[in-house]
Structure formats: structure tokens, C-alpha cells
C-alpha atoms as a PDB file:
ATOM      1  CA  MET A   1     -94.235 -51.795-252.460  1.00  0.00           C
ATOM      2  CA  THR A   2     -97.974 -52.016-251.785  1.00  0.00           C
ATOM      3  CA  ALA A   3     -98.595 -48.755-253.646  1.00  0.00           C
ATOM      4  CA  LEU A   4     -96.712 -50.150-256.622  1.00  0.00           C
ATOM      5  CA  ARG A   5     -98.993 -53.196-256.671  1.00  0.00           C
ATOM      6  CA  GLY A   6    -101.966 -50.833-256.500  1.00  0.00           C
ATOM      7  CA  LEU A   7    -100.650 -48.902-259.488  1.00  0.00           C
ATOM      8  CA  ALA A   8    -100.246 -52.209-261.324  1.00  0.00           C
ATOM      9  CA  TRP A   9    -103.907 -53.042-260.574  1.00  0.00           C
ATOM     10  CA  LEU A  10    -105.023 -49.628-261.813  1.00  0.00           C
ATOM     11  CA  LEU A  11    -103.020 -49.948-265.021  1.00  0.00           C
ATOM     12  CA  LEU A  12    -104.231 -53.511-265.559  1.00  0.00           C
ATOM     13  CA  MET A  13    -107.878 -52.469-265.212  1.00  0.00           C
ATOM     14  CA  GLN A  14    -107.341 -49.512-267.532  1.00  0.00           C
ATOM     15  CA  SER A  15    -105.689 -51.780-270.113  1.00  0.00           C
ATOM     16  CA  LEU A  16    -108.493 -54.333-269.875  1.00  0.00           C
ATOM     17  CA  GLY A  17    -111.028 -51.543-270.229  1.00  0.00           C
ATOM     18  CA  GLU A  18    -109.222 -50.235-273.301  1.00  0.00           C
ATOM     19  CA  LEU A  19    -109.128 -53.714-274.849  1.00  0.00           C
ATOM     20  CA  LEU A  20    -112.830 -54.246-274.194  1.00  0.00           C
ATOM     21  CA  ALA A  21    -113.828 -50.787-275.410  1.00  0.00           C
ATOM     22  CA  ARG A  22    -111.891 -51.138-278.659  1.00  0.00           C
ATOM     23  CA  GLY A  23    -112.575 -54.835-279.186  1.00  0.00           C
ATOM     24  CA  LEU A  24    -116.322 -54.558-278.633  1.00  0.00           C
ATOM     25  CA  SER A  25    -116.624 -51.056-280.176  1.00  0.00           C
ATOM     26  CA  LEU A  26    -118.192 -49.742-276.977  1.00  0.00           C
ATOM     27  CA  PRO A  27    -119.342 -46.109-276.896  1.00  0.00           C
ATOM     28  CA  LEU A  28    -117.382 -45.574-273.656  1.00  0.00           C
ATOM     29  CA  PRO A  29    -113.688 -44.693-273.365  1.00  0.00           C
ATOM     30  CA  GLY A  30    -111.368 -47.466-272.232  1.00  0.00           C
ATOM     31  CA  PRO A  31    -110.466 -45.833-268.889  1.00  0.00           C
ATOM     32  CA  VAL A  32    -114.171 -45.550-268.004  1.00  0.00           C
ATOM     33  CA  VAL A  33    -114.686 -49.240-268.777  1.00  0.00           C
ATOM     34  CA  GLY A  34    -111.583 -49.948-266.677  1.00  0.00           C
ATOM     35  CA  MET A  35    -113.083 -48.056-263.734  1.00  0.00           C
ATOM     36  CA  LEU A  36    -116.288 -50.052-264.115  1.00  0.00           C
ATOM     37  CA  LEU A  37    -114.183 -53.231-263.992  1.00  0.00           C
ATOM     38  CA  LEU A  38    -112.290 -51.930-260.962  1.00  0.00           C
ATOM     39  CA  LEU A  39    -115.462 -51.283-258.973  1.00  0.00           C
ATOM     40  CA  PRO A  40    -116.392 -54.947-258.360  1.00  0.00           C
ATOM     41  CA  ALA A  41    -112.702 -55.888-258.063  1.00  0.00           C
ATOM     42  CA  LEU A  42    -112.418 -53.584-255.035  1.00  0.00           C
ATOM     43  CA  GLN A  43    -114.539 -56.066-253.077  1.00  0.00           C
ATOM     44  CA  TRP A  44    -111.436 -58.250-252.699  1.00  0.00           C
ATOM     45  CA  VAL A  45    -108.828 -57.283-250.114  1.00  0.00           C
ATOM     46  CA  LEU A  46    -106.112 -58.418-252.530  1.00  0.00           C
ATOM     47  CA  VAL A  47    -107.104 -55.533-254.814  1.00  0.00           C
ATOM     48  CA  ARG A  48    -108.565 -53.016-252.344  1.00  0.00           C
ATOM     49  CA  GLU A  49    -105.570 -52.572-250.033  1.00  0.00           C
ATOM     50  CA  PRO A  50    -102.901 -51.976-252.721  1.00  0.00           C
ATOM     51  CA  VAL A  51    -105.223 -49.652-254.656  1.00  0.00           C
ATOM     52  CA  ALA A  52    -105.936 -47.697-251.450  1.00  0.00           C
ATOM     53  CA  ALA A  53    -102.202 -47.325-250.817  1.00  0.00           C
ATOM     54  CA  CYS A  54    -101.677 -46.139-254.394  1.00  0.00           C
ATOM     55  CA  ALA A  55    -104.570 -43.680-254.091  1.00  0.00           C
ATOM     56  CA  GLU A  56    -103.065 -42.238-250.894  1.00  0.00           C
ATOM     57  CA  ALA A  57     -99.724 -41.728-252.646  1.00  0.00           C
ATOM     58  CA  LEU A  58    -101.354 -40.114-255.669  1.00  0.00           C
ATOM     59  CA  LEU A  59    -103.472 -37.814-253.508  1.00  0.00           C
ATOM     60  CA  GLN A  60    -100.384 -36.619-251.633  1.00  0.00           C
ATOM     61  CA  HIS A  61     -98.971 -35.363-254.939  1.00  0.00           C
ATOM     62  CA  LEU A  62    -102.239 -34.303-256.575  1.00  0.00           C
ATOM     63  CA  SER A  63    -101.036 -30.760-257.213  1.00  0.00           C
ATOM     64  CA  LEU A  64     -98.367 -32.095-259.600  1.00  0.00           C
ATOM     65  CA  LEU A  65    -101.094 -33.510-261.818  1.00  0.00           C
ATOM     66  CA  PHE A  66    -102.348 -29.959-262.496  1.00  0.00           C
ATOM     67  CA  VAL A  67     -99.038 -28.813-263.996  1.00  0.00           C
ATOM     68  CA  PRO A  68     -99.773 -30.180-267.518  1.00  0.00           C
ATOM     69  CA  VAL A  69    -103.182 -28.478-267.464  1.00  0.00           C
ATOM     70  CA  GLY A  70    -101.598 -25.164-266.479  1.00  0.00           C
ATOM     71  CA  VAL A  71     -99.002 -25.500-269.236  1.00  0.00           C
ATOM     72  CA  GLY A  72    -101.762 -26.281-271.741  1.00  0.00           C
ATOM     73  CA  VAL A  73    -103.721 -23.201-270.721  1.00  0.00           C
ATOM     74  CA  MET A  74    -100.631 -21.026-271.025  1.00  0.00           C
ATOM     75  CA  THR A  75     -99.811 -22.527-274.423  1.00  0.00           C
ATOM     76  CA  HIS A  76    -103.316 -21.836-275.763  1.00  0.00           C
ATOM     77  CA  LEU A  77    -103.860 -18.521-273.989  1.00  0.00           C
ATOM     78  CA  ALA A  78    -105.179 -16.923-277.189  1.00  0.00           C
ATOM     79  CA  LEU A  79    -107.945 -19.542-277.411  1.00  0.00           C
ATOM     80  CA  VAL A  80    -108.785 -19.141-273.740  1.00  0.00           C
ATOM     81  CA  SER A  81    -109.017 -15.358-274.086  1.00  0.00           C
ATOM     82  CA  GLU A  82    -111.228 -15.756-277.174  1.00  0.00           C
ATOM     83  CA  HIS A  83    -113.544 -18.474-275.838  1.00  0.00           C
ATOM     84  CA  GLY A  84    -112.975 -18.144-272.082  1.00  0.00           C
ATOM     85  CA  LEU A  85    -116.352 -16.634-271.206  1.00  0.00           C
ATOM     86  CA  ARG A  86    -118.211 -19.318-273.143  1.00  0.00           C
ATOM     87  CA  MET A  87    -116.135 -22.046-271.500  1.00  0.00           C
ATOM     88  CA  LEU A  88    -116.834 -20.545-268.073  1.00  0.00           C
ATOM     89  CA  LEU A  89    -120.562 -20.330-268.832  1.00  0.00           C
ATOM     90  CA  VAL A  90    -120.691 -23.955-270.015  1.00  0.00           C
ATOM     91  CA  THR A  91    -118.745 -25.102-266.940  1.00  0.00           C
ATOM     92  CA  VAL A  92    -121.048 -23.253-264.536  1.00  0.00           C
ATOM     93  CA  LEU A  93    -124.242 -24.381-266.297  1.00  0.00           C
ATOM     94  CA  SER A  94    -123.168 -28.021-266.494  1.00  0.00           C
ATOM     95  CA  THR A  95    -122.187 -27.967-262.819  1.00  0.00           C
ATOM     96  CA  LEU A  96    -125.581 -26.521-261.893  1.00  0.00           C
ATOM     97  CA  ALA A  97    -127.334 -29.118-264.065  1.00  0.00           C
ATOM     98  CA  GLY A  98    -125.421 -31.916-262.323  1.00  0.00           C
ATOM     99  CA  LEU A  99    -126.272 -30.510-258.895  1.00  0.00           C
ATOM    100  CA  ALA A 100    -129.944 -30.146-259.850  1.00  0.00           C
ATOM    101  CA  ALA A 101    -130.101 -33.726-261.144  1.00  0.00           C
ATOM    102  CA  THR A 102    -128.427 -35.030-257.988  1.00  0.00           C
ATOM    103  CA  ALA A 103    -130.805 -33.056-255.750  1.00  0.00           C
ATOM    104  CA  TRP A 104    -133.811 -34.299-257.719  1.00  0.00           C
ATOM    105  CA  VAL A 105    -132.727 -37.945-257.443  1.00  0.00           C
ATOM    106  CA  LEU A 106    -131.997 -37.541-253.730  1.00  0.00           C
ATOM    107  CA  GLN A 107    -135.402 -35.958-253.151  1.00  0.00           C
ATOM    108  CA  ARG A 108    -137.118 -38.786-255.032  1.00  0.00           C
ATOM    109  CA  LEU A 109    -135.218 -41.428-253.064  1.00  0.00           C
ATOM    110  CA  LEU A 110    -135.942 -39.811-249.704  1.00  0.00           C
ATOM    111  CA  SER A 111    -139.658 -39.418-250.446  1.00  0.00           C
ATOM    112  CA  ALA A 112    -140.085 -42.981-251.747  1.00  0.00           C
ATOM    113  CA  PRO A 113    -142.316 -45.187-249.594  1.00  0.00           C
ATOM    114  CA  PRO A 114    -140.394 -47.776-247.577  1.00  0.00           C
ATOM    115  CA  GLY A 115    -140.184 -51.198-249.145  1.00  0.00           C
ATOM    116  CA  PRO A 116    -140.521 -54.543-247.361  1.00  0.00           C
ATOM    117  CA  GLU A 117    -136.778 -54.675-246.696  1.00  0.00           C
ATOM    118  CA  ASP A 118    -136.936 -51.304-244.905  1.00  0.00           C
ATOM    119  CA  GLU A 119    -139.476 -52.455-242.300  1.00  0.00           C
ATOM    120  CA  ASP A 120    -138.304 -53.344-238.805  1.00  0.00           C
ATOM    121  CA  PRO A 121    -138.522 -57.141-238.332  1.00  0.00           C
ATOM    122  CA  GLY A 122    -138.859 -56.685-234.561  1.00  0.00           C
ATOM    123  CA  ARG A 123    -142.141 -54.817-234.928  1.00  0.00           C
ATOM    124  CA  ALA A 124    -145.269 -56.880-235.337  1.00  0.00           C
END
């Protein structure tokens, strides 16, 4: 029952995100706006616990979510064979670009000088 409430929360946030994205003509898809709405909502136990239960249930059956993708690939096998190498190259390059950007940001954050909130209050 808790997982069902979590699914209701997820669908509600996605619907609100879709309404906001379409109503305000945002450049983001509705589900992305819904996830941004869900992030602060997870601070409340009333939302967090059911969503966690729903996430556990979905993760247990994650392999089923790949079936439509596999069927789509098999349906469009001619396109994949024609453009497969380019798609693989773009996937690898975009993954490397994301890793490089993450490493660069991490390096910048770790080498930043400590701010006043980072200092030990016990030291004088």
C-alpha cells in the first residue's frame, strides 16, 4: 500500500511538472520539471517514505523496463545497422564529456580555499 502511495506521488509530481511546462512554455520537458518539484518534496517524511517504497519495487523489476527498448531496437534493426556506429560514437563521446565535466567540477571544488563555514569553531 505504501508503494502505491509513492507511485501516486510520482505521478502527481509528473503531472504538475507537465502542467507547468506546458502552461508556462518552459524549455524543459514536463517529467524533468516534475523531478525538480519532487526534489524539495522529498524533505517531508509523508512523501519520502512512500516514494522510497515505490522506488524499491520499481528497482526490483528494472529489467522489465528494458523490454520496450529491446523491441524498439529489433523493430528498427535496419536503422541501427545503418547508423549504429555513429550512435555508438556519439554515446561514447557524450559519456566521456560528462565524465570530464564532472571530474573538472570535482577538482575545482576540492581545490577551492575553505570558506568561513569550513573553519573549525573550536580552534582559536
